[in-house]
């Protein structure tokens, strides 16, 4: 059961960077759709990059705001208010695990 909990903890730690990557990707796709209508390819690339960066930044702000407001989600994903991994719980032995090991 401990490995299952560790697997979900790692998923929670990787969720914030994955969310940022996905937001930048979809923002860049939207920017590329806008850039297709431009005649200058350099300006099209700039629009694509700006759309990806703005979308990534906006989604991260919303995600971090949600993490700050929801302690249940932070506890389930084992992250702190700023989205970084909460490793303190891994250092403290679990009382239920110790009682199960004692004869």
C-alpha atoms as a PDB file:
ATOM      1  CA  UNK A   1       0.000   0.000   0.000  1.00  0.00           C
ATOM      2  CA  UNK A   2       2.925   2.302   0.656  1.00  0.00           C
ATOM      3  CA  UNK A   3       4.106   2.093  -2.976  1.00  0.00           C
ATOM      4  CA  UNK A   4       0.602   3.018  -4.143  1.00  0.00           C
ATOM      5  CA  UNK A   5       0.631   6.126  -1.937  1.00  0.00           C
ATOM      6  CA  UNK A   6       4.116   7.009  -3.198  1.00  0.00           C
ATOM      7  CA  UNK A   7       2.955   6.641  -6.802  1.00  0.00           C
ATOM      8  CA  UNK A   8       0.110   9.103  -6.255  1.00  0.00           C
ATOM      9  CA  UNK A   9       2.441  11.472  -4.406  1.00  0.00           C
ATOM     10  CA  UNK A  10       4.814  11.516  -7.401  1.00  0.00           C
ATOM     11  CA  UNK A  11       1.834  12.121  -9.700  1.00  0.00           C
ATOM     12  CA  UNK A  12       0.832  15.098  -7.538  1.00  0.00           C
ATOM     13  CA  UNK A  13       4.345  16.493  -7.664  1.00  0.00           C
ATOM     14  CA  UNK A  14       4.460  16.269 -11.456  1.00  0.00           C
ATOM     15  CA  UNK A  15       0.980  17.682 -11.985  1.00  0.00           C
ATOM     16  CA  UNK A  16       1.988  21.370 -11.762  1.00  0.00           C
ATOM     17  CA  UNK A  17       4.799  21.166 -14.370  1.00  0.00           C
ATOM     18  CA  UNK A  18       2.625  18.997 -16.621  1.00  0.00           C
ATOM     19  CA  UNK A  19      -0.186  21.527 -16.363  1.00  0.00           C
ATOM     20  CA  UNK A  20       2.222  24.319 -17.343  1.00  0.00           C
ATOM     21  CA  UNK A  21       3.525  22.322 -20.305  1.00  0.00           C
ATOM     22  CA  UNK A  22       0.032  21.455 -21.532  1.00  0.00           C
ATOM     23  CA  UNK A  23      -1.152  25.055 -21.201  1.00  0.00           C
ATOM     24  CA  UNK A  24       1.832  26.374 -23.150  1.00  0.00           C
ATOM     25  CA  UNK A  25       1.274  23.748 -25.838  1.00  0.00           C
ATOM     26  CA  UNK A  26      -2.399  24.579 -26.320  1.00  0.00           C
ATOM     27  CA  UNK A  27      -1.647  28.300 -26.174  1.00  0.00           C
ATOM     28  CA  UNK A  28       0.985  27.857 -28.873  1.00  0.00           C
ATOM     29  CA  UNK A  29      -1.480  25.882 -31.003  1.00  0.00           C
ATOM     30  CA  UNK A  30      -3.958  28.734 -30.672  1.00  0.00           C
ATOM     31  CA  UNK A  31      -1.207  31.193 -31.554  1.00  0.00           C
ATOM     32  CA  UNK A  32      -0.269  29.113 -34.590  1.00  0.00           C
ATOM     33  CA  UNK A  33      -3.869  29.204 -35.778  1.00  0.00           C
ATOM     34  CA  UNK A  34      -3.771  32.989 -35.522  1.00  0.00           C
ATOM     35  CA  UNK A  35      -0.315  33.124 -37.139  1.00  0.00           C
ATOM     36  CA  UNK A  36      -1.504  31.200 -40.211  1.00  0.00           C
ATOM     37  CA  UNK A  37      -3.308  34.335 -41.330  1.00  0.00           C
ATOM     38  CA  UNK A  38      -0.164  36.493 -41.143  1.00  0.00           C
ATOM     39  CA  UNK A  39       2.063  37.095 -44.137  1.00  0.00           C
ATOM     40  CA  UNK A  40       5.319  37.567 -42.201  1.00  0.00           C
ATOM     41  CA  UNK A  41       6.535  34.205 -40.798  1.00  0.00           C
ATOM     42  CA  UNK A  42       8.712  35.846 -38.139  1.00  0.00           C
ATOM     43  CA  UNK A  43       5.736  37.714 -36.721  1.00  0.00           C
ATOM     44  CA  UNK A  44       3.784  34.467 -36.838  1.00  0.00           C
ATOM     45  CA  UNK A  45       6.438  32.753 -34.715  1.00  0.00           C
ATOM     46  CA  UNK A  46       6.422  35.649 -32.268  1.00  0.00           C
ATOM     47  CA  UNK A  47       2.626  35.484 -31.969  1.00  0.00           C
ATOM     48  CA  UNK A  48       2.817  31.718 -31.402  1.00  0.00           C
ATOM     49  CA  UNK A  49       5.447  32.097 -28.669  1.00  0.00           C
ATOM     50  CA  UNK A  50       3.606  34.937 -26.952  1.00  0.00           C
ATOM     51  CA  UNK A  51       0.296  33.054 -26.979  1.00  0.00           C
ATOM     52  CA  UNK A  52       1.967  29.974 -25.487  1.00  0.00           C
ATOM     53  CA  UNK A  53       3.706  31.978 -22.760  1.00  0.00           C
ATOM     54  CA  UNK A  54       0.622  34.006 -21.827  1.00  0.00           C
ATOM     55  CA  UNK A  55      -1.583  30.914 -21.675  1.00  0.00           C
ATOM     56  CA  UNK A  56       0.966  29.047 -19.563  1.00  0.00           C
ATOM     57  CA  UNK A  57       1.303  31.962 -17.151  1.00  0.00           C
ATOM     58  CA  UNK A  58      -2.467  32.418 -16.834  1.00  0.00           C
ATOM     59  CA  UNK A  59      -3.146  28.717 -16.223  1.00  0.00           C
ATOM     60  CA  UNK A  60      -0.379  28.519 -13.618  1.00  0.00           C
ATOM     61  CA  UNK A  61      -1.820  31.525 -11.792  1.00  0.00           C
ATOM     62  CA  UNK A  62      -5.259  29.902 -11.725  1.00  0.00           C
ATOM     63  CA  UNK A  63      -3.797  26.536 -10.622  1.00  0.00           C
ATOM     64  CA  UNK A  64      -1.738  28.052  -7.802  1.00  0.00           C
ATOM     65  CA  UNK A  65      -4.729  30.109  -6.678  1.00  0.00           C
ATOM     66  CA  UNK A  66      -6.747  26.881  -6.554  1.00  0.00           C
ATOM     67  CA  UNK A  67      -4.007  25.134  -4.552  1.00  0.00           C
ATOM     68  CA  UNK A  68      -3.901  27.984  -2.043  1.00  0.00           C
ATOM     69  CA  UNK A  69      -7.676  27.861  -1.541  1.00  0.00           C
ATOM     70  CA  UNK A  70      -8.067  24.080  -1.281  1.00  0.00           C
ATOM     71  CA  UNK A  71      -6.198  22.311   1.525  1.00  0.00           C
ATOM     72  CA  UNK A  72      -7.861  19.011   0.573  1.00  0.00           C
ATOM     73  CA  UNK A  73      -6.278  19.075  -2.888  1.00  0.00           C
ATOM     74  CA  UNK A  74      -2.891  20.020  -1.424  1.00  0.00           C
ATOM     75  CA  UNK A  75      -3.087  17.111   0.993  1.00  0.00           C
ATOM     76  CA  UNK A  76      -4.199  14.644  -1.682  1.00  0.00           C
ATOM     77  CA  UNK A  77      -1.431  15.686  -4.088  1.00  0.00           C
ATOM     78  CA  UNK A  78       1.164  16.104  -1.289  1.00  0.00           C
ATOM     79  CA  UNK A  79       2.178  19.588  -2.380  1.00  0.00           C
ATOM     80  CA  UNK A  80       2.573  22.887  -0.549  1.00  0.00           C
ATOM     81  CA  UNK A  81       0.686  26.109  -1.241  1.00  0.00           C
ATOM     82  CA  UNK A  82       3.134  27.055  -3.999  1.00  0.00           C
ATOM     83  CA  UNK A  83       2.921  23.681  -5.761  1.00  0.00           C
ATOM     84  CA  UNK A  84       6.267  22.300  -4.604  1.00  0.00           C
ATOM     85  CA  UNK A  85       6.504  18.736  -3.250  1.00  0.00           C
ATOM     86  CA  UNK A  86       5.747  18.264   0.436  1.00  0.00           C
ATOM     87  CA  UNK A  87       8.540  15.897   1.436  1.00  0.00           C
ATOM     88  CA  UNK A  88       8.236  16.366   5.185  1.00  0.00           C
ATOM     89  CA  UNK A  89       5.623  13.620   5.501  1.00  0.00           C
ATOM     90  CA  UNK A  90       7.915  11.131   3.767  1.00  0.00           C
ATOM     91  CA  UNK A  91      10.630  11.722   6.372  1.00  0.00           C
ATOM     92  CA  UNK A  92       8.326  11.053   9.335  1.00  0.00           C
ATOM     93  CA  UNK A  93       7.531   7.356   9.767  1.00  0.00           C
ATOM     94  CA  UNK A  94       3.852   6.500   9.590  1.00  0.00           C
ATOM     95  CA  UNK A  95       2.430   5.264  12.909  1.00  0.00           C
ATOM     96  CA  UNK A  96       0.167   2.712  11.240  1.00  0.00           C
ATOM     97  CA  UNK A  97       3.117   1.204   9.350  1.00  0.00           C
ATOM     98  CA  UNK A  98       5.105   0.824  12.582  1.00  0.00           C
ATOM     99  CA  UNK A  99       2.243  -0.820  14.460  1.00  0.00           C
ATOM    100  CA  UNK A 100       1.770  -3.313  11.627  1.00  0.00           C
ATOM    101  CA  UNK A 101       5.443  -4.326  11.785  1.00  0.00           C
ATOM    102  CA  UNK A 102       5.520  -4.996  15.531  1.00  0.00           C
ATOM    103  CA  UNK A 103       4.562  -8.556  16.579  1.00  0.00           C
END
